[in-house]
């Protein structure tokens, strides 16, 4: 059976550095993130660290998702003038250990000069029981996460402007 990997994207009117800071300050997720309402990981976050995501599904149920951070690439401006950053983690729950459902979540930021920051996220699922992982509900969570990130980063940018 084929399906689309759960994904979401949004344009954020904030500098890439602001959006990145909000993304990696995982201890503050409960303040703005309606999908990942709590995160357990060592601070500061680092590649190789375990990370447990406490997820709130749209229907009201909650679950824990044990992951491991595989990429933390802060914003860097490329030769083309586009700034880019990336965070990724791999699912390590029992379905992954049994080879039934594997998942890697990528979160990418990009910003052209003087443009908005574009946030994109996708979960690359594989395995025989992917349908049971609920790709549609994950996509819904990603959309809620993206909107929360936008609201928080834009508010933080506005506060910075007021304080200068």
N, C-alpha and C. Protein backbone atom coordinates (compact mmCIF):
# COMPACT_ATOMS: atom_id res chain seq x y z
N UNK A 1 0.84 -1.18 0.00
CA UNK A 1 0.00 0.00 0.00
C UNK A 1 0.89 1.24 0.00
N UNK A 2 0.52 2.22 -0.81
CA UNK A 2 1.30 3.45 -0.85
C UNK A 2 0.56 4.55 -0.10
N UNK A 3 1.30 5.48 0.40
CA UNK A 3 0.75 6.62 1.13
C UNK A 3 1.79 7.72 1.06
N UNK A 4 1.36 8.91 1.39
CA UNK A 4 2.30 10.02 1.46
C UNK A 4 2.87 10.08 2.87
N UNK A 5 4.15 10.41 2.95
CA UNK A 5 4.76 10.61 4.26
C UNK A 5 4.09 11.83 4.90
N UNK A 6 3.75 11.77 6.19
CA UNK A 6 3.17 12.92 6.86
C UNK A 6 4.12 14.11 6.78
N UNK A 7 3.56 15.27 6.45
CA UNK A 7 4.40 16.46 6.31
C UNK A 7 3.59 17.71 6.58
N UNK A 8 4.31 18.81 6.74
CA UNK A 8 3.68 20.12 6.88
C UNK A 8 4.74 21.16 6.52
N UNK A 9 4.28 22.32 6.08
CA UNK A 9 5.19 23.43 5.85
C UNK A 9 4.44 24.73 6.10
N UNK A 10 5.21 25.77 6.44
CA UNK A 10 4.61 27.06 6.73
C UNK A 10 5.67 28.14 6.55
N UNK A 11 5.23 29.31 6.16
CA UNK A 11 6.09 30.47 6.02
C UNK A 11 5.99 31.28 7.32
N UNK A 12 7.15 31.65 7.86
CA UNK A 12 7.19 32.34 9.16
C UNK A 12 7.89 33.69 8.99
N UNK A 13 7.23 34.76 9.40
CA UNK A 13 7.80 36.10 9.30
C UNK A 13 8.71 36.38 10.49
N UNK A 14 9.84 35.68 10.50
CA UNK A 14 10.84 35.83 11.56
C UNK A 14 12.18 35.37 10.99
N UNK A 15 13.27 35.90 11.51
CA UNK A 15 14.59 35.46 11.06
C UNK A 15 14.81 33.97 11.37
N UNK A 16 15.56 33.31 10.53
CA UNK A 16 15.83 31.88 10.71
C UNK A 16 16.44 31.60 12.07
N UNK A 17 17.28 32.50 12.59
CA UNK A 17 17.90 32.29 13.90
C UNK A 17 16.86 32.26 15.02
N UNK A 18 15.82 33.08 14.89
CA UNK A 18 14.75 33.09 15.89
C UNK A 18 13.97 31.78 15.84
N UNK A 19 13.62 31.34 14.64
CA UNK A 19 12.85 30.10 14.49
C UNK A 19 13.67 28.92 15.01
N UNK A 20 14.95 28.89 14.68
CA UNK A 20 15.84 27.83 15.15
C UNK A 20 15.89 27.79 16.68
N UNK A 21 16.04 28.96 17.30
CA UNK A 21 16.10 29.03 18.76
C UNK A 21 14.83 28.44 19.37
N UNK A 22 13.67 28.79 18.82
CA UNK A 22 12.41 28.26 19.34
C UNK A 22 12.38 26.74 19.17
N UNK A 23 12.86 26.24 18.03
CA UNK A 23 12.86 24.80 17.77
C UNK A 23 13.73 24.02 18.75
N UNK A 24 14.89 24.57 19.11
CA UNK A 24 15.82 23.79 19.95
C UNK A 24 15.61 24.02 21.44
N UNK A 25 14.81 25.02 21.81
CA UNK A 25 14.48 25.22 23.23
C UNK A 25 13.33 24.29 23.61
N UNK A 26 13.63 23.00 23.63
CA UNK A 26 12.60 21.99 23.82
C UNK A 26 11.91 22.08 25.18
N UNK A 27 12.60 22.63 26.18
CA UNK A 27 11.98 22.74 27.50
C UNK A 27 10.81 23.72 27.50
N UNK A 28 10.69 24.56 26.48
CA UNK A 28 9.60 25.54 26.39
C UNK A 28 8.45 25.07 25.48
N UNK A 29 8.52 23.87 24.93
CA UNK A 29 7.48 23.42 24.00
C UNK A 29 6.07 23.50 24.58
N UNK A 30 5.91 23.21 25.86
CA UNK A 30 4.58 23.24 26.49
C UNK A 30 3.94 24.61 26.39
N UNK A 31 4.74 25.66 26.24
CA UNK A 31 4.21 27.03 26.16
C UNK A 31 3.60 27.35 24.80
N UNK A 32 3.98 26.62 23.74
CA UNK A 32 3.52 27.01 22.41
C UNK A 32 3.14 25.86 21.50
N UNK A 33 3.53 24.63 21.81
CA UNK A 33 3.35 23.53 20.87
C UNK A 33 2.12 22.70 21.22
N UNK A 34 1.07 22.74 20.40
CA UNK A 34 -0.13 21.97 20.71
C UNK A 34 -0.01 20.48 20.38
N UNK A 35 1.06 20.06 19.71
CA UNK A 35 1.26 18.66 19.33
C UNK A 35 2.27 17.98 20.25
N UNK A 36 3.48 18.50 20.31
CA UNK A 36 4.50 17.96 21.21
C UNK A 36 4.46 18.84 22.46
N UNK A 37 3.70 18.37 23.44
CA UNK A 37 3.41 19.21 24.61
C UNK A 37 4.47 19.13 25.71
N UNK A 38 5.36 18.17 25.59
CA UNK A 38 6.47 18.07 26.55
C UNK A 38 7.59 17.27 25.90
N UNK A 39 8.82 17.63 26.24
CA UNK A 39 9.99 16.95 25.69
C UNK A 39 10.93 16.62 26.84
N UNK A 40 11.41 15.39 26.86
CA UNK A 40 12.43 14.99 27.83
C UNK A 40 13.72 14.73 27.06
N UNK A 41 14.74 15.55 27.31
CA UNK A 41 16.07 15.33 26.73
C UNK A 41 17.07 16.16 27.51
N UNK A 42 18.30 15.76 27.46
CA UNK A 42 19.36 16.54 28.10
C UNK A 42 19.45 17.90 27.41
N UNK A 43 19.82 18.91 28.19
CA UNK A 43 19.97 20.26 27.65
C UNK A 43 21.43 20.68 27.72
N UNK A 44 21.97 21.30 26.71
CA UNK A 44 21.29 21.56 25.45
C UNK A 44 21.17 20.26 24.64
N UNK A 45 20.19 20.25 23.75
CA UNK A 45 19.99 19.09 22.88
C UNK A 45 21.26 18.85 22.07
N UNK A 46 21.59 17.57 21.84
CA UNK A 46 22.79 17.23 21.08
C UNK A 46 22.55 15.95 20.28
N UNK A 47 23.25 15.84 19.17
CA UNK A 47 23.17 14.63 18.34
C UNK A 47 23.56 13.43 19.20
N UNK A 48 22.78 12.37 19.09
CA UNK A 48 23.01 11.15 19.85
C UNK A 48 22.20 11.07 21.13
N UNK A 49 21.66 12.20 21.60
CA UNK A 49 20.86 12.21 22.81
C UNK A 49 19.53 11.52 22.59
N UNK A 50 19.07 10.73 23.58
CA UNK A 50 17.69 10.26 23.52
C UNK A 50 16.77 11.45 23.77
N UNK A 51 15.59 11.38 23.19
CA UNK A 51 14.59 12.43 23.34
C UNK A 51 13.22 11.76 23.38
N UNK A 52 12.45 12.05 24.41
CA UNK A 52 11.10 11.48 24.52
C UNK A 52 10.10 12.60 24.28
N UNK A 53 9.27 12.41 23.26
CA UNK A 53 8.25 13.39 22.90
C UNK A 53 6.92 12.96 23.51
N UNK A 54 6.28 13.87 24.22
CA UNK A 54 4.94 13.62 24.75
C UNK A 54 3.98 14.31 23.79
N UNK A 55 3.20 13.50 23.09
CA UNK A 55 2.38 13.97 21.98
C UNK A 55 0.91 14.04 22.40
N UNK A 56 0.24 15.13 21.99
CA UNK A 56 -1.20 15.27 22.20
C UNK A 56 -1.88 15.18 20.83
N UNK A 57 -2.65 14.13 20.65
CA UNK A 57 -3.36 13.92 19.38
C UNK A 57 -4.60 14.81 19.33
N UNK A 58 -5.08 15.08 18.15
CA UNK A 58 -6.23 15.98 17.97
C UNK A 58 -7.46 15.48 18.72
N UNK A 59 -7.64 14.18 18.83
CA UNK A 59 -8.79 13.62 19.51
C UNK A 59 -8.72 13.68 21.03
N UNK A 60 -7.59 14.12 21.58
CA UNK A 60 -7.46 14.26 23.02
C UNK A 60 -6.58 13.21 23.68
N UNK A 61 -6.30 12.11 22.99
CA UNK A 61 -5.43 11.11 23.60
C UNK A 61 -3.98 11.57 23.54
N UNK A 62 -3.16 10.94 24.36
CA UNK A 62 -1.75 11.30 24.43
C UNK A 62 -0.90 10.05 24.35
N UNK A 63 0.34 10.23 23.91
CA UNK A 63 1.27 9.11 23.88
C UNK A 63 2.70 9.63 24.03
N UNK A 64 3.59 8.69 24.33
CA UNK A 64 5.02 8.98 24.44
C UNK A 64 5.71 8.39 23.22
N UNK A 65 6.67 9.12 22.69
CA UNK A 65 7.41 8.64 21.53
C UNK A 65 8.91 8.74 21.81
N UNK A 66 9.56 7.60 22.09
CA UNK A 66 11.00 7.63 22.33
C UNK A 66 11.75 7.76 21.00
N UNK A 67 12.66 8.71 20.94
CA UNK A 67 13.41 9.01 19.73
C UNK A 67 14.88 9.19 20.08
N UNK A 68 15.70 9.38 19.07
CA UNK A 68 17.11 9.72 19.26
C UNK A 68 17.47 10.80 18.25
N UNK A 69 18.09 11.88 18.74
CA UNK A 69 18.47 12.99 17.86
C UNK A 69 19.57 12.54 16.91
N UNK A 70 19.35 12.74 15.62
CA UNK A 70 20.34 12.33 14.61
C UNK A 70 20.95 13.51 13.87
N UNK A 71 20.34 14.68 13.94
CA UNK A 71 20.90 15.87 13.27
C UNK A 71 20.47 17.13 13.99
N UNK A 72 21.41 18.02 14.21
CA UNK A 72 21.18 19.37 14.74
C UNK A 72 22.15 20.28 13.98
N UNK A 73 21.66 20.87 12.93
CA UNK A 73 22.51 21.71 12.08
C UNK A 73 21.98 23.14 12.14
N UNK A 74 22.62 24.01 12.95
CA UNK A 74 22.15 25.38 13.10
C UNK A 74 22.23 26.15 11.78
N UNK A 75 21.57 27.29 11.71
CA UNK A 75 21.53 28.06 10.47
C UNK A 75 22.92 28.41 9.93
N UNK A 76 23.09 28.15 8.64
CA UNK A 76 24.31 28.49 7.91
C UNK A 76 23.87 29.06 6.57
N UNK A 77 24.53 30.13 6.15
CA UNK A 77 24.24 30.73 4.85
C UNK A 77 25.10 30.05 3.79
N UNK A 78 24.45 29.52 2.77
CA UNK A 78 25.16 28.85 1.68
C UNK A 78 25.70 29.83 0.65
N UNK A 79 26.43 29.30 -0.31
CA UNK A 79 27.00 30.11 -1.38
C UNK A 79 25.93 30.85 -2.18
N UNK A 80 24.73 30.30 -2.20
CA UNK A 80 23.62 30.93 -2.93
C UNK A 80 22.92 32.01 -2.13
N UNK A 81 23.39 32.27 -0.89
CA UNK A 81 22.79 33.30 -0.05
C UNK A 81 21.60 32.82 0.76
N UNK A 82 21.22 31.56 0.59
CA UNK A 82 20.09 31.00 1.33
C UNK A 82 20.59 30.39 2.63
N UNK A 83 19.98 30.78 3.73
CA UNK A 83 20.30 30.19 5.04
C UNK A 83 19.48 28.92 5.22
N UNK A 84 20.08 27.91 5.83
CA UNK A 84 19.39 26.64 6.04
C UNK A 84 19.79 26.05 7.39
N UNK A 85 18.87 25.30 7.98
CA UNK A 85 19.11 24.61 9.24
C UNK A 85 18.30 23.32 9.22
N UNK A 86 18.70 22.35 10.08
CA UNK A 86 17.99 21.07 10.09
C UNK A 86 18.10 20.41 11.45
N UNK A 87 16.98 19.80 11.85
CA UNK A 87 16.91 18.96 13.05
C UNK A 87 16.25 17.66 12.62
N UNK A 88 16.77 16.53 13.12
CA UNK A 88 16.15 15.24 12.79
C UNK A 88 16.29 14.30 13.97
N UNK A 89 15.35 13.37 14.05
CA UNK A 89 15.43 12.32 15.05
C UNK A 89 14.76 11.06 14.52
N UNK A 90 15.19 9.92 15.07
CA UNK A 90 14.70 8.62 14.64
C UNK A 90 13.88 8.00 15.76
N UNK A 91 12.77 7.36 15.39
CA UNK A 91 11.88 6.69 16.34
C UNK A 91 12.56 5.44 16.88
N UNK A 92 12.50 5.24 18.21
CA UNK A 92 13.13 4.08 18.84
C UNK A 92 12.19 3.27 19.71
N UNK A 93 10.87 3.40 19.49
CA UNK A 93 9.91 2.63 20.28
C UNK A 93 9.97 1.15 19.94
N UNK A 94 9.22 0.35 20.71
CA UNK A 94 9.27 -1.10 20.49
C UNK A 94 8.88 -1.51 19.08
N UNK A 95 7.90 -0.84 18.40
CA UNK A 95 7.62 -1.24 17.02
C UNK A 95 8.84 -1.08 16.10
N UNK A 96 9.68 -0.07 16.36
CA UNK A 96 10.89 0.11 15.56
C UNK A 96 11.90 -1.00 15.87
N UNK A 97 12.03 -1.33 17.15
CA UNK A 97 12.98 -2.38 17.53
C UNK A 97 12.59 -3.73 16.94
N UNK A 98 11.28 -3.94 16.72
CA UNK A 98 10.80 -5.19 16.11
C UNK A 98 10.75 -5.11 14.59
N UNK A 99 11.09 -3.95 14.02
CA UNK A 99 11.08 -3.80 12.56
C UNK A 99 9.69 -3.61 11.97
N UNK A 100 8.71 -3.26 12.81
CA UNK A 100 7.33 -3.14 12.35
C UNK A 100 7.00 -1.74 11.83
N UNK A 101 7.52 -0.72 12.50
CA UNK A 101 7.31 0.67 12.09
C UNK A 101 8.61 1.42 12.37
N UNK A 102 9.17 1.98 11.34
CA UNK A 102 10.35 2.83 11.51
C UNK A 102 9.96 4.23 11.10
N UNK A 103 10.59 5.20 11.72
CA UNK A 103 10.29 6.58 11.36
C UNK A 103 11.48 7.49 11.61
N UNK A 104 11.69 8.39 10.68
CA UNK A 104 12.70 9.44 10.84
C UNK A 104 11.99 10.76 10.54
N UNK A 105 12.04 11.67 11.51
CA UNK A 105 11.42 12.98 11.31
C UNK A 105 12.51 14.00 10.99
N UNK A 106 12.28 14.71 9.91
CA UNK A 106 13.17 15.79 9.48
C UNK A 106 12.42 17.11 9.66
N UNK A 107 13.10 18.10 10.22
CA UNK A 107 12.56 19.46 10.31
C UNK A 107 13.62 20.37 9.70
N UNK A 108 13.21 21.09 8.65
CA UNK A 108 14.15 21.94 7.92
C UNK A 108 13.67 23.38 7.91
N UNK A 109 14.64 24.28 7.98
CA UNK A 109 14.37 25.71 7.84
C UNK A 109 15.17 26.23 6.67
N UNK A 110 14.59 27.19 5.95
CA UNK A 110 15.34 27.89 4.91
C UNK A 110 14.85 29.33 4.88
N UNK A 111 15.78 30.23 4.51
CA UNK A 111 15.42 31.64 4.41
C UNK A 111 16.27 32.30 3.33
N UNK A 112 15.58 32.81 2.32
CA UNK A 112 16.25 33.59 1.29
C UNK A 112 16.51 34.98 1.85
N UNK A 113 17.51 35.71 1.31
CA UNK A 113 17.78 37.05 1.82
C UNK A 113 16.52 37.92 1.84
N UNK A 114 16.26 38.54 2.98
CA UNK A 114 15.13 39.45 3.19
C UNK A 114 13.77 38.78 3.05
N UNK A 115 13.73 37.45 3.06
CA UNK A 115 12.47 36.74 2.93
C UNK A 115 12.05 36.09 4.24
N UNK A 116 10.88 35.49 4.24
CA UNK A 116 10.43 34.77 5.44
C UNK A 116 11.22 33.48 5.61
N UNK A 117 11.15 32.91 6.78
CA UNK A 117 11.74 31.59 7.02
C UNK A 117 10.68 30.55 6.66
N UNK A 118 11.08 29.55 5.92
CA UNK A 118 10.18 28.46 5.56
C UNK A 118 10.51 27.26 6.43
N UNK A 119 9.51 26.77 7.14
CA UNK A 119 9.63 25.58 7.98
C UNK A 119 8.98 24.42 7.24
N UNK A 120 9.71 23.31 7.14
CA UNK A 120 9.17 22.11 6.51
C UNK A 120 9.51 20.92 7.40
N UNK A 121 8.54 20.02 7.55
CA UNK A 121 8.78 18.81 8.32
C UNK A 121 8.15 17.63 7.61
N UNK A 122 8.78 16.48 7.73
CA UNK A 122 8.27 15.25 7.13
C UNK A 122 8.72 14.08 8.00
N UNK A 123 7.86 13.09 8.13
CA UNK A 123 8.20 11.83 8.81
C UNK A 123 8.30 10.76 7.74
N UNK A 124 9.48 10.19 7.60
CA UNK A 124 9.69 9.12 6.63
C UNK A 124 9.43 7.79 7.35
N UNK A 125 8.21 7.28 7.18
CA UNK A 125 7.81 6.02 7.78
C UNK A 125 8.15 4.86 6.85
N UNK A 126 8.47 3.71 7.46
CA UNK A 126 8.61 2.47 6.71
C UNK A 126 8.25 1.32 7.64
N UNK A 127 8.02 0.16 7.05
CA UNK A 127 7.70 -1.03 7.83
C UNK A 127 6.30 -1.52 7.55
N UNK A 128 6.02 -2.78 7.88
CA UNK A 128 4.74 -3.39 7.54
C UNK A 128 3.53 -2.83 8.29
N UNK A 129 3.73 -2.16 9.42
CA UNK A 129 2.58 -1.67 10.20
C UNK A 129 2.48 -0.15 10.21
N UNK A 130 2.98 0.49 9.16
CA UNK A 130 2.96 1.96 9.10
C UNK A 130 1.54 2.50 9.24
N UNK A 131 0.56 1.83 8.64
CA UNK A 131 -0.82 2.33 8.72
C UNK A 131 -1.28 2.45 10.17
N UNK A 132 -0.81 1.54 11.03
CA UNK A 132 -1.20 1.60 12.44
C UNK A 132 -0.56 2.78 13.17
N UNK A 133 0.52 3.32 12.61
CA UNK A 133 1.16 4.50 13.20
C UNK A 133 0.31 5.75 12.99
N UNK A 134 -0.67 5.66 12.09
CA UNK A 134 -1.58 6.79 11.86
C UNK A 134 -0.97 7.96 11.12
N UNK A 135 -0.48 7.74 9.89
CA UNK A 135 0.13 8.85 9.15
C UNK A 135 -0.76 10.09 9.05
N UNK A 136 -2.07 9.90 8.96
CA UNK A 136 -2.97 11.07 8.85
C UNK A 136 -2.99 11.88 10.13
N UNK A 137 -3.03 11.19 11.28
CA UNK A 137 -3.04 11.93 12.54
C UNK A 137 -1.69 12.56 12.82
N UNK A 138 -0.60 11.93 12.36
CA UNK A 138 0.73 12.54 12.48
C UNK A 138 0.80 13.82 11.65
N UNK A 139 0.27 13.76 10.42
CA UNK A 139 0.25 14.95 9.55
C UNK A 139 -0.54 16.08 10.21
N UNK A 140 -1.67 15.75 10.84
CA UNK A 140 -2.45 16.76 11.55
C UNK A 140 -1.62 17.37 12.68
N UNK A 141 -0.91 16.54 13.42
CA UNK A 141 -0.06 17.03 14.49
C UNK A 141 1.05 17.93 13.96
N UNK A 142 1.63 17.55 12.84
CA UNK A 142 2.68 18.37 12.23
C UNK A 142 2.14 19.75 11.83
N UNK A 143 0.92 19.79 11.30
CA UNK A 143 0.32 21.09 10.93
C UNK A 143 0.11 21.95 12.18
N UNK A 144 -0.38 21.34 13.26
CA UNK A 144 -0.58 22.10 14.50
C UNK A 144 0.76 22.58 15.07
N UNK A 145 1.78 21.73 14.99
CA UNK A 145 3.13 22.08 15.43
C UNK A 145 3.64 23.27 14.61
N UNK A 146 3.50 23.22 13.30
CA UNK A 146 3.98 24.30 12.42
C UNK A 146 3.29 25.62 12.73
N UNK A 147 1.99 25.59 12.93
CA UNK A 147 1.26 26.83 13.26
C UNK A 147 1.68 27.39 14.62
N UNK A 148 1.92 26.50 15.60
CA UNK A 148 2.40 26.95 16.90
C UNK A 148 3.79 27.56 16.81
N UNK A 149 4.66 26.93 16.02
CA UNK A 149 6.02 27.45 15.82
C UNK A 149 5.97 28.84 15.18
N UNK A 150 5.12 29.00 14.18
CA UNK A 150 4.97 30.29 13.50
C UNK A 150 4.52 31.37 14.50
N UNK A 151 3.49 31.05 15.26
CA UNK A 151 2.96 32.02 16.21
C UNK A 151 4.02 32.41 17.24
N UNK A 152 4.74 31.42 17.78
CA UNK A 152 5.75 31.70 18.80
C UNK A 152 6.92 32.51 18.23
N UNK A 153 7.46 32.09 17.08
CA UNK A 153 8.62 32.77 16.50
C UNK A 153 8.27 34.20 16.09
N UNK A 154 7.08 34.39 15.52
CA UNK A 154 6.68 35.75 15.13
C UNK A 154 6.46 36.62 16.35
N UNK A 155 5.92 36.06 17.43
CA UNK A 155 5.75 36.83 18.67
C UNK A 155 7.10 37.18 19.26
N UNK A 156 8.04 36.22 19.24
CA UNK A 156 9.38 36.50 19.75
C UNK A 156 10.07 37.59 18.94
N UNK A 157 9.87 37.58 17.62
CA UNK A 157 10.46 38.61 16.77
C UNK A 157 9.86 39.97 17.09
N UNK A 158 8.54 40.02 17.31
CA UNK A 158 7.89 41.26 17.67
C UNK A 158 8.39 41.81 19.00
N UNK A 159 8.61 40.92 19.98
CA UNK A 159 9.14 41.34 21.27
C UNK A 159 10.54 41.90 21.12
N UNK A 160 11.35 41.27 20.29
CA UNK A 160 12.72 41.76 20.06
C UNK A 160 12.70 43.15 19.45
N UNK A 161 11.78 43.37 18.52
CA UNK A 161 11.67 44.71 17.90
C UNK A 161 11.27 45.77 18.91
N UNK A 162 10.36 45.40 19.83
CA UNK A 162 9.90 46.35 20.84
C UNK A 162 10.99 46.68 21.85
N UNK A 163 11.87 45.72 22.10
CA UNK A 163 12.93 45.92 23.09
C UNK A 163 14.15 46.63 22.54
N UNK A 164 14.20 46.88 21.26
CA UNK A 164 15.36 47.56 20.67
C UNK A 164 15.07 49.00 20.35
